[in-house]
Amino acid sequence: MPERAISRPQEPDAPVDVEELLARFDTESAYRRLAGWVGRAIAALAIAFSLFQLYTAAFGVLEARLQRAVHLAFGMSLVFLLYPARRRADRRSLPWWDVALAVAGAAAPLYLVVFYQDIVLRAAMPTPTDVAVAIASVLLVLEAARRVVGLPIVVVATAFILYALLGRSLPGFLAHRGFSLSQIANHLYFTTEGIFGIPLGVSSTFIFLFLVLGAFLEKTGIGKFFIDLANAVAGFASGGPAKVAVITSALEGTISGSSVANTVGSGSL
């Protein structure tokens, strides 16, 4: 008689680190977790960012380019402090070169704020310093986008910039009269049609406030309450996830009728 195989109890699976799993597949989740005084300093910077946005929302926004410039300065400094250059890099430490990039990422947009009157008086005649700052700003924005979103968006943006610069050298219908580096820098940095365009304007006046609302909903437990209530009402039924999403969105609508607020507030939950 062959001996029966002795069945051994299966060992429980090792606990899954959700943060590490997200960081592996989602670029935006691969940010640093910093402790000590460095973490507190970055938290203070983020709080200052939020207070600036709340202040301008309550007492009136600044002139469009100034509002967007300050918003971008805060955003880029936080990106370089929180997101490493490589996904596999150590996310428990902050190298000095990322601190330098954070300072540069804040200084480049703030150049527009500090010298705003002079830049307006010069109109369309940027100085070599203006052009250098504009080029640095574009490069820093591209690097920040690469760290947070990924390389494809950087390739697309770079291709369009090169198309504007090298248009006169292209063949056939692709050719155009071309633009100088100074003209491209002037358009991308000193107008509200480049990096300070409509997307950044919407982010600096509307999106950020909804992000703050979503953070309050998550930290106070209201967002989880909305989802738990929707699960209790419709989670058991066929098509439960869709019904839960509809009910949760309706509850979000009692606070804000904005679809953006709904997406930011309960979409991630």
C-alpha atoms as a PDB file:
ATOM      1  CA  MET A   1       0.000   0.000   0.000  1.00  0.00           C
ATOM      2  CA  PRO A   2       1.524   3.329  -0.984  1.00  0.00           C
ATOM      3  CA  GLU A   3       1.856   5.722   1.842  1.00  0.00           C
ATOM      4  CA  ARG A   4      -0.488   8.621   1.735  1.00  0.00           C
ATOM      5  CA  ALA A   5       1.078  12.027   1.394  1.00  0.00           C
ATOM      6  CA  ILE A   6       0.896  13.813   4.672  1.00  0.00           C
ATOM      7  CA  SER A   7      -0.852  17.134   4.142  1.00  0.00           C
ATOM      8  CA  ARG A   8       0.854  19.957   5.900  1.00  0.00           C
ATOM      9  CA  PRO A   9      -1.018  23.035   6.988  1.00  0.00           C
ATOM     10  CA  GLN A  10      -0.351  25.931   4.684  1.00  0.00           C
ATOM     11  CA  GLU A  11       1.648  28.694   6.193  1.00  0.00           C
ATOM     12  CA  PRO A  12      -0.143  32.043   6.232  1.00  0.00           C
ATOM     13  CA  ASP A  13       0.949  34.436   3.541  1.00  0.00           C
ATOM     14  CA  ALA A  14       3.330  37.158   4.555  1.00  0.00           C
ATOM     15  CA  PRO A  15       1.617  40.488   5.156  1.00  0.00           C
ATOM     16  CA  VAL A  16       1.534  42.648   2.062  1.00  0.00           C
ATOM     17  CA  ASP A  17       3.139  46.071   2.271  1.00  0.00           C
ATOM     18  CA  VAL A  18       0.511  48.133   0.457  1.00  0.00           C
ATOM     19  CA  GLU A  19       2.752  51.181   0.154  1.00  0.00           C
ATOM     20  CA  GLU A  20       5.554  49.169  -1.462  1.00  0.00           C
ATOM     21  CA  LEU A  21       3.080  47.474  -3.802  1.00  0.00           C
ATOM     22  CA  LEU A  22       1.674  50.826  -4.910  1.00  0.00           C
ATOM     23  CA  ALA A  23       5.157  52.276  -5.363  1.00  0.00           C
ATOM     24  CA  ARG A  24       6.085  49.350  -7.616  1.00  0.00           C
ATOM     25  CA  PHE A  25       3.221  49.888 -10.076  1.00  0.00           C
ATOM     26  CA  ASP A  26       2.197  53.529  -9.573  1.00  0.00           C
ATOM     27  CA  THR A  27       4.827  56.199 -10.181  1.00  0.00           C
ATOM     28  CA  GLU A  28       2.949  58.794  -8.142  1.00  0.00           C
ATOM     29  CA  SER A  29       3.015  56.532  -5.072  1.00  0.00           C
ATOM     30  CA  ALA A  30       6.803  56.065  -5.142  1.00  0.00           C
ATOM     31  CA  TYR A  31       7.573  59.045  -2.915  1.00  0.00           C
ATOM     32  CA  ARG A  32       9.946  59.290   0.021  1.00  0.00           C
ATOM     33  CA  ARG A  33       8.915  58.520   3.589  1.00  0.00           C
ATOM     34  CA  LEU A  34      11.171  60.793   5.586  1.00  0.00           C
ATOM     35  CA  ALA A  35      11.352  60.977   9.367  1.00  0.00           C
ATOM     36  CA  GLY A  36      13.021  63.288  11.848  1.00  0.00           C
ATOM     37  CA  TRP A  37      13.560  66.989  11.349  1.00  0.00           C
ATOM     38  CA  VAL A  38      13.741  66.562   7.552  1.00  0.00           C
ATOM     39  CA  GLY A  39      10.254  65.084   7.474  1.00  0.00           C
ATOM     40  CA  ARG A  40       8.965  67.823   9.764  1.00  0.00           C
ATOM     41  CA  ALA A  41      10.544  70.519   7.567  1.00  0.00           C
ATOM     42  CA  ILE A  42       8.879  69.094   4.458  1.00  0.00           C
ATOM     43  CA  ALA A  43       5.569  68.862   6.339  1.00  0.00           C
ATOM     44  CA  ALA A  44       5.931  72.534   7.309  1.00  0.00           C
ATOM     45  CA  LEU A  45       6.548  73.417   3.660  1.00  0.00           C
ATOM     46  CA  ALA A  46       3.438  71.497   2.620  1.00  0.00           C
ATOM     47  CA  ILE A  47       1.402  73.266   5.331  1.00  0.00           C
ATOM     48  CA  ALA A  48       2.693  76.644   4.107  1.00  0.00           C
ATOM     49  CA  PHE A  49       1.627  75.644   0.594  1.00  0.00           C
ATOM     50  CA  SER A  50      -1.883  74.827   1.841  1.00  0.00           C
ATOM     51  CA  LEU A  51      -2.142  78.047   3.852  1.00  0.00           C
ATOM     52  CA  PHE A  52      -1.111  80.121   0.832  1.00  0.00           C
ATOM     53  CA  GLN A  53      -3.788  78.468  -1.291  1.00  0.00           C
ATOM     54  CA  LEU A  54      -6.461  78.880   1.381  1.00  0.00           C
ATOM     55  CA  TYR A  55      -5.497  82.525   1.926  1.00  0.00           C
ATOM     56  CA  THR A  56      -5.704  83.408  -1.765  1.00  0.00           C
ATOM     57  CA  ALA A  57      -8.989  81.500  -2.055  1.00  0.00           C
ATOM     58  CA  ALA A  58     -10.518  83.408   0.871  1.00  0.00           C
ATOM     59  CA  PHE A  59      -9.182  86.894   0.162  1.00  0.00           C
ATOM     60  CA  GLY A  60      -8.812  86.919  -3.621  1.00  0.00           C
ATOM     61  CA  VAL A  61      -6.216  85.450  -5.939  1.00  0.00           C
ATOM     62  CA  LEU A  62      -3.148  87.300  -7.120  1.00  0.00           C
ATOM     63  CA  GLU A  63      -2.538  88.330 -10.713  1.00  0.00           C
ATOM     64  CA  ALA A  64      -2.658  85.140 -12.764  1.00  0.00           C
ATOM     65  CA  ARG A  65       1.059  84.776 -13.480  1.00  0.00           C
ATOM     66  CA  LEU A  66       2.034  85.554  -9.881  1.00  0.00           C
ATOM     67  CA  GLN A  67      -0.487  83.115  -8.429  1.00  0.00           C
ATOM     68  CA  ARG A  68       0.645  80.361 -10.767  1.00  0.00           C
ATOM     69  CA  ALA A  69       4.327  81.112 -10.207  1.00  0.00           C
ATOM     70  CA  VAL A  70       4.064  80.762  -6.422  1.00  0.00           C
ATOM     71  CA  HIS A  71       1.952  77.623  -6.838  1.00  0.00           C
ATOM     72  CA  LEU A  72       4.560  76.105  -9.157  1.00  0.00           C
ATOM     73  CA  ALA A  73       7.410  77.080  -6.813  1.00  0.00           C
ATOM     74  CA  PHE A  74       5.808  75.210  -3.919  1.00  0.00           C
ATOM     75  CA  GLY A  75       4.905  72.254  -6.123  1.00  0.00           C
ATOM     76  CA  MET A  76       8.313  71.781  -7.725  1.00  0.00           C
ATOM     77  CA  SER A  77      10.190  72.106  -4.450  1.00  0.00           C
ATOM     78  CA  LEU A  78       7.998  69.397  -2.908  1.00  0.00           C
ATOM     79  CA  VAL A  79       8.411  67.146  -5.948  1.00  0.00           C
ATOM     80  CA  PHE A  80      12.219  67.226  -5.759  1.00  0.00           C
ATOM     81  CA  LEU A  81      12.128  66.701  -1.988  1.00  0.00           C
ATOM     82  CA  LEU A  82       9.667  63.806  -2.057  1.00  0.00           C
ATOM     83  CA  TYR A  83      10.299  61.973  -5.333  1.00  0.00           C
ATOM     84  CA  PRO A  84      13.702  60.355  -5.994  1.00  0.00           C
ATOM     85  CA  ALA A  85      15.300  60.505  -9.432  1.00  0.00           C
ATOM     86  CA  ARG A  86      15.035  56.725  -9.827  1.00  0.00           C
ATOM     87  CA  ARG A  87      12.165  54.513  -8.734  1.00  0.00           C
ATOM     88  CA  ARG A  88      14.533  51.971  -7.147  1.00  0.00           C
ATOM     89  CA  ALA A  89      16.370  54.637  -5.148  1.00  0.00           C
ATOM     90  CA  ASP A  90      16.297  54.665  -1.360  1.00  0.00           C
ATOM     91  CA  ARG A  91      13.113  56.439  -0.265  1.00  0.00           C
ATOM     92  CA  ARG A  92      14.235  56.814   3.365  1.00  0.00           C
ATOM     93  CA  SER A  93      16.963  59.384   2.715  1.00  0.00           C
ATOM     94  CA  LEU A  94      17.239  62.754   0.982  1.00  0.00           C
ATOM     95  CA  PRO A  95      20.436  63.381  -1.049  1.00  0.00           C
ATOM     96  CA  TRP A  96      21.898  66.871  -1.198  1.00  0.00           C
ATOM     97  CA  TRP A  97      21.435  67.206  -4.961  1.00  0.00           C
ATOM     98  CA  ASP A  98      17.667  66.841  -4.596  1.00  0.00           C
ATOM     99  CA  VAL A  99      17.740  69.609  -1.983  1.00  0.00           C
ATOM    100  CA  ALA A 100      19.631  71.770  -4.495  1.00  0.00           C
ATOM    101  CA  LEU A 101      17.082  70.943  -7.201  1.00  0.00           C
ATOM    102  CA  ALA A 102      14.265  71.800  -4.781  1.00  0.00           C
ATOM    103  CA  VAL A 103      15.815  75.221  -4.151  1.00  0.00           C
ATOM    104  CA  ALA A 104      16.294  75.750  -7.895  1.00  0.00           C
ATOM    105  CA  GLY A 105      12.746  74.529  -8.574  1.00  0.00           C
ATOM    106  CA  ALA A 106      11.400  77.166  -6.192  1.00  0.00           C
ATOM    107  CA  ALA A 107      13.751  79.956  -7.291  1.00  0.00           C
ATOM    108  CA  ALA A 108      13.049  79.660 -11.033  1.00  0.00           C
ATOM    109  CA  PRO A 109       9.291  80.479 -10.833  1.00  0.00           C
ATOM    110  CA  LEU A 110       9.837  83.005  -8.016  1.00  0.00           C
ATOM    111  CA  TYR A 111      12.171  84.954 -10.338  1.00  0.00           C
ATOM    112  CA  LEU A 112       8.990  86.014 -12.131  1.00  0.00           C
ATOM    113  CA  VAL A 113       7.477  87.184  -8.849  1.00  0.00           C
ATOM    114  CA  VAL A 114      10.517  89.102  -7.599  1.00  0.00           C
ATOM    115  CA  PHE A 115      11.254  90.888 -10.890  1.00  0.00           C
ATOM    116  CA  TYR A 116       7.673  91.091 -12.115  1.00  0.00           C
ATOM    117  CA  GLN A 117       7.582  94.875 -12.581  1.00  0.00           C
ATOM    118  CA  ASP A 118      10.855  94.918 -14.508  1.00  0.00           C
ATOM    119  CA  ILE A 119       9.714  92.036 -16.711  1.00  0.00           C
ATOM    120  CA  VAL A 120       6.441  93.801 -17.512  1.00  0.00           C
ATOM    121  CA  LEU A 121       8.280  97.002 -18.436  1.00  0.00           C
ATOM    122  CA  ARG A 122      10.650  95.080 -20.709  1.00  0.00           C
ATOM    123  CA  ALA A 123       7.613  93.549 -22.428  1.00  0.00           C
ATOM    124  CA  ALA A 124       8.776  91.241 -25.231  1.00  0.00           C
ATOM    125  CA  MET A 125      12.494  92.046 -24.839  1.00  0.00           C
ATOM    126  CA  PRO A 126      13.855  89.437 -22.428  1.00  0.00           C
ATOM    127  CA  THR A 127      17.422  89.775 -21.229  1.00  0.00           C
ATOM    128  CA  PRO A 128      19.950  86.900 -21.371  1.00  0.00           C
ATOM    129  CA  THR A 129      19.260  86.303 -17.672  1.00  0.00           C
ATOM    130  CA  ASP A 130      15.540  86.058 -18.392  1.00  0.00           C
ATOM    131  CA  VAL A 131      16.175  83.517 -21.134  1.00  0.00           C
ATOM    132  CA  ALA A 132      18.490  81.469 -18.899  1.00  0.00           C
ATOM    133  CA  VAL A 133      15.918  81.390 -16.085  1.00  0.00           C
ATOM    134  CA  ALA A 134      13.166  80.461 -18.558  1.00  0.00           C
ATOM    135  CA  ILE A 135      15.204  77.567 -19.978  1.00  0.00           C
ATOM    136  CA  ALA A 136      16.071  76.366 -16.471  1.00  0.00           C
ATOM    137  CA  SER A 137      12.387  76.515 -15.501  1.00  0.00           C
ATOM    138  CA  VAL A 138      11.336  74.416 -18.486  1.00  0.00           C
ATOM    139  CA  LEU A 139      14.033  71.818 -17.797  1.00  0.00           C
ATOM    140  CA  LEU A 140      13.077  71.650 -14.116  1.00  0.00           C
ATOM    141  CA  VAL A 141       9.395  71.221 -14.981  1.00  0.00           C
ATOM    142  CA  LEU A 142      10.256  68.395 -17.380  1.00  0.00           C
ATOM    143  CA  GLU A 143      12.374  66.655 -14.734  1.00  0.00           C
ATOM    144  CA  ALA A 144       9.636  67.075 -12.111  1.00  0.00           C
ATOM    145  CA  ALA A 145       7.088  65.618 -14.546  1.00  0.00           C
ATOM    146  CA  ARG A 146       9.386  62.665 -15.251  1.00  0.00           C
ATOM    147  CA  ARG A 147       9.705  61.878 -11.560  1.00  0.00           C
ATOM    148  CA  VAL A 148       5.992  62.044 -10.805  1.00  0.00           C
ATOM    149  CA  VAL A 149       4.244  60.990 -14.040  1.00  0.00           C
ATOM    150  CA  GLY A 150       6.915  59.168 -16.018  1.00  0.00           C
ATOM    151  CA  LEU A 151       9.009  59.503 -19.141  1.00  0.00           C
ATOM    152  CA  PRO A 152       6.325  59.425 -21.912  1.00  0.00           C
ATOM    153  CA  ILE A 153       4.898  62.876 -21.128  1.00  0.00           C
ATOM    154  CA  VAL A 154       8.431  64.314 -21.089  1.00  0.00           C
ATOM    155  CA  VAL A 155       9.155  62.802 -24.516  1.00  0.00           C
ATOM    156  CA  VAL A 156       5.967  64.314 -25.954  1.00  0.00           C
ATOM    157  CA  ALA A 157       6.653  67.781 -24.497  1.00  0.00           C
ATOM    158  CA  THR A 158      10.291  67.708 -25.633  1.00  0.00           C
ATOM    159  CA  ALA A 159       9.277  66.664 -29.148  1.00  0.00           C
ATOM    160  CA  PHE A 160       6.993  69.683 -29.490  1.00  0.00           C
ATOM    161  CA  ILE A 161       9.657  72.050 -28.164  1.00  0.00           C
ATOM    162  CA  LEU A 162      12.174  70.641 -30.664  1.00  0.00           C
ATOM    163  CA  TYR A 163       9.581  70.950 -33.431  1.00  0.00           C
ATOM    164  CA  ALA A 164       9.179  74.639 -32.652  1.00  0.00           C
ATOM    165  CA  LEU A 165      12.961  75.117 -32.567  1.00  0.00           C
ATOM    166  CA  LEU A 166      13.895  73.079 -35.654  1.00  0.00           C
ATOM    167  CA  GLY A 167      10.853  73.698 -37.827  1.00  0.00           C
ATOM    168  CA  ARG A 168      12.712  75.420 -40.661  1.00  0.00           C
ATOM    169  CA  SER A 169      14.944  72.355 -41.092  1.00  0.00           C
ATOM    170  CA  LEU A 170      12.110  69.847 -41.479  1.00  0.00           C
ATOM    171  CA  PRO A 171      11.036  68.569 -44.900  1.00  0.00           C
ATOM    172  CA  GLY A 172       7.798  69.159 -46.787  1.00  0.00           C
ATOM    173  CA  PHE A 173       4.583  70.063 -45.047  1.00  0.00           C
ATOM    174  CA  LEU A 174       6.205  69.640 -41.626  1.00  0.00           C
ATOM    175  CA  ALA A 175       8.400  72.709 -42.155  1.00  0.00           C
ATOM    176  CA  HIS A 176       7.602  76.131 -40.715  1.00  0.00           C
ATOM    177  CA  ARG A 177       9.510  79.358 -40.303  1.00  0.00           C
ATOM    178  CA  GLY A 178      10.884  78.247 -36.944  1.00  0.00           C
ATOM    179  CA  PHE A 179      11.374  80.113 -33.696  1.00  0.00           C
ATOM    180  CA  SER A 180      14.508  81.163 -31.901  1.00  0.00           C
ATOM    181  CA  LEU A 181      15.420  79.843 -28.465  1.00  0.00           C
ATOM    182  CA  SER A 182      14.689  83.273 -27.016  1.00  0.00           C
ATOM    183  CA  GLN A 183      11.193  83.310 -28.565  1.00  0.00           C
ATOM    184  CA  ILE A 184      10.392  79.836 -27.278  1.00  0.00           C
ATOM    185  CA  ALA A 185      11.656  80.704 -23.791  1.00  0.00           C
ATOM    186  CA  ASN A 186       9.638  83.926 -23.802  1.00  0.00           C
ATOM    187  CA  HIS A 187       6.469  82.074 -24.814  1.00  0.00           C
ATOM    188  CA  LEU A 188       6.879  79.200 -22.356  1.00  0.00           C
ATOM    189  CA  TYR A 189       7.870  81.267 -19.325  1.00  0.00           C
ATOM    190  CA  PHE A 190       6.682  84.876 -19.651  1.00  0.00           C
ATOM    191  CA  THR A 191       3.151  84.284 -20.931  1.00  0.00           C
ATOM    192  CA  THR A 192       0.143  82.402 -19.602  1.00  0.00           C
ATOM    193  CA  GLU A 193       0.234  80.043 -22.587  1.00  0.00           C
ATOM    194  CA  GLY A 194       3.303  78.001 -21.591  1.00  0.00           C
ATOM    195  CA  ILE A 195       4.117  76.397 -18.265  1.00  0.00           C
ATOM    196  CA  PHE A 196       1.917  79.020 -16.558  1.00  0.00           C
ATOM    197  CA  GLY A 197      -1.013  78.107 -18.807  1.00  0.00           C
ATOM    198  CA  ILE A 198      -4.588  77.052 -18.139  1.00  0.00           C
ATOM    199  CA  PRO A 199      -3.807  73.655 -16.477  1.00  0.00           C
ATOM    200  CA  LEU A 200      -1.597  75.325 -13.874  1.00  0.00           C
ATOM    201  CA  GLY A 201      -4.196  78.079 -13.461  1.00  0.00           C
ATOM    202  CA  VAL A 202      -6.930  75.541 -12.725  1.00  0.00           C
ATOM    203  CA  SER A 203      -4.621  73.682 -10.349  1.00  0.00           C
ATOM    204  CA  SER A 204      -3.690  76.850  -8.453  1.00  0.00           C
ATOM    205  CA  THR A 205      -7.260  78.100  -8.024  1.00  0.00           C
ATOM    206  CA  PHE A 206      -9.585  75.077  -7.918  1.00  0.00           C
ATOM    207  CA  ILE A 207      -7.924  71.669  -7.899  1.00  0.00           C
ATOM    208  CA  PHE A 208      -5.768  72.298  -4.843  1.00  0.00           C
ATOM    209  CA  LEU A 209      -8.766  73.260  -2.709  1.00  0.00           C
ATOM    210  CA  PHE A 210     -10.490  70.022  -3.629  1.00  0.00           C
ATOM    211  CA  LEU A 211      -7.318  68.136  -2.720  1.00  0.00           C
ATOM    212  CA  VAL A 212      -7.423  69.775   0.701  1.00  0.00           C
ATOM    213  CA  LEU A 213     -11.101  68.841   1.043  1.00  0.00           C
ATOM    214  CA  GLY A 214     -10.300  65.242   0.100  1.00  0.00           C
ATOM    215  CA  ALA A 215      -7.494  65.138   2.652  1.00  0.00           C
ATOM    216  CA  PHE A 216      -9.853  66.388   5.382  1.00  0.00           C
ATOM    217  CA  LEU A 217     -12.452  63.788   4.403  1.00  0.00           C
ATOM    218  CA  GLU A 218      -9.866  61.019   4.568  1.00  0.00           C
ATOM    219  CA  LYS A 219      -8.174  62.042   7.828  1.00  0.00           C
ATOM    220  CA  THR A 220     -11.424  62.761   9.682  1.00  0.00           C
ATOM    221  CA  GLY A 221     -12.962  59.479   8.544  1.00  0.00           C
ATOM    222  CA  ILE A 222     -15.890  61.074   6.717  1.00  0.00           C
ATOM    223  CA  GLY A 223     -14.762  59.665   3.370  1.00  0.00           C
ATOM    224  CA  LYS A 224     -14.549  56.151   4.822  1.00  0.00           C
ATOM    225  CA  PHE A 225     -17.974  56.653   6.411  1.00  0.00           C
ATOM    226  CA  PHE A 226     -19.435  57.556   3.018  1.00  0.00           C
ATOM    227  CA  ILE A 227     -18.034  54.389   1.459  1.00  0.00           C
ATOM    228  CA  ASP A 228     -18.996  52.156   4.393  1.00  0.00           C
ATOM    229  CA  LEU A 229     -22.556  53.508   4.263  1.00  0.00           C
ATOM    230  CA  ALA A 230     -22.740  52.932   0.505  1.00  0.00           C
ATOM    231  CA  ASN A 231     -21.363  49.393   0.977  1.00  0.00           C
ATOM    232  CA  ALA A 232     -24.017  48.670   3.584  1.00  0.00           C
ATOM    233  CA  VAL A 233     -26.775  49.919   1.277  1.00  0.00           C
ATOM    234  CA  ALA A 234     -25.707  48.394  -2.055  1.00  0.00           C
ATOM    235  CA  GLY A 235     -22.503  46.414  -1.619  1.00  0.00           C
ATOM    236  CA  PHE A 236     -24.285  43.071  -1.518  1.00  0.00           C
ATOM    237  CA  ALA A 237     -26.267  43.585  -4.729  1.00  0.00           C
ATOM    238  CA  SER A 238     -25.325  42.710  -8.295  1.00  0.00           C
ATOM    239  CA  GLY A 239     -23.171  45.453  -9.723  1.00  0.00           C
ATOM    240  CA  GLY A 240     -22.370  46.480  -6.167  1.00  0.00           C
ATOM    241  CA  PRO A 241     -19.153  48.430  -6.863  1.00  0.00           C
ATOM    242  CA  ALA A 242     -20.907  50.641  -9.416  1.00  0.00           C
ATOM    243  CA  LYS A 243     -23.824  51.255  -7.082  1.00  0.00           C
ATOM    244  CA  VAL A 244     -21.480  52.004  -4.198  1.00  0.00           C
ATOM    245  CA  ALA A 245     -19.669  54.534  -6.412  1.00  0.00           C
ATOM    246  CA  VAL A 246     -22.964  56.226  -7.330  1.00  0.00           C
ATOM    247  CA  ILE A 247     -24.157  56.464  -3.725  1.00  0.00           C
ATOM    248  CA  THR A 248     -20.763  57.699  -2.512  1.00  0.00           C
ATOM    249  CA  SER A 249     -20.751  60.343  -5.246  1.00  0.00           C
ATOM    250  CA  ALA A 250     -24.222  61.454  -4.200  1.00  0.00           C
ATOM    251  CA  LEU A 251     -23.031  61.853  -0.607  1.00  0.00           C
ATOM    252  CA  GLU A 252     -20.013  63.815  -1.868  1.00  0.00           C
ATOM    253  CA  GLY A 253     -22.448  66.030  -3.749  1.00  0.00           C
ATOM    254  CA  THR A 254     -24.017  67.119  -0.465  1.00  0.00           C
ATOM    255  CA  ILE A 255     -20.695  68.849   0.295  1.00  0.00           C
ATOM    256  CA  SER A 256     -19.608  70.009  -3.156  1.00  0.00           C
ATOM    257  CA  GLY A 257     -21.290  69.771  -6.547  1.00  0.00           C
ATOM    258  CA  SER A 258     -17.954  69.651  -8.335  1.00  0.00           C
ATOM    259  CA  SER A 259     -17.067  66.491 -10.242  1.00  0.00           C
ATOM    260  CA  VAL A 260     -13.407  67.253  -9.596  1.00  0.00           C
ATOM    261  CA  ALA A 261     -14.032  67.352  -5.842  1.00  0.00           C
ATOM    262  CA  ASN A 262     -15.845  64.038  -6.087  1.00  0.00           C
ATOM    263  CA  THR A 263     -12.987  62.414  -7.997  1.00  0.00           C
ATOM    264  CA  VAL A 264     -10.313  63.737  -5.667  1.00  0.00           C
ATOM    265  CA  GLY A 265     -12.292  63.174  -2.479  1.00  0.00           C
ATOM    266  CA  SER A 266     -13.716  59.674  -2.924  1.00  0.00           C
ATOM    267  CA  GLY A 267     -12.175  58.341  -6.120  1.00  0.00           C
ATOM    268  CA  SER A 268      -8.952  57.257  -4.447  1.00  0.00           C
ATOM    269  CA  LEU A 269     -10.836  55.761  -1.515  1.00  0.00           C
END
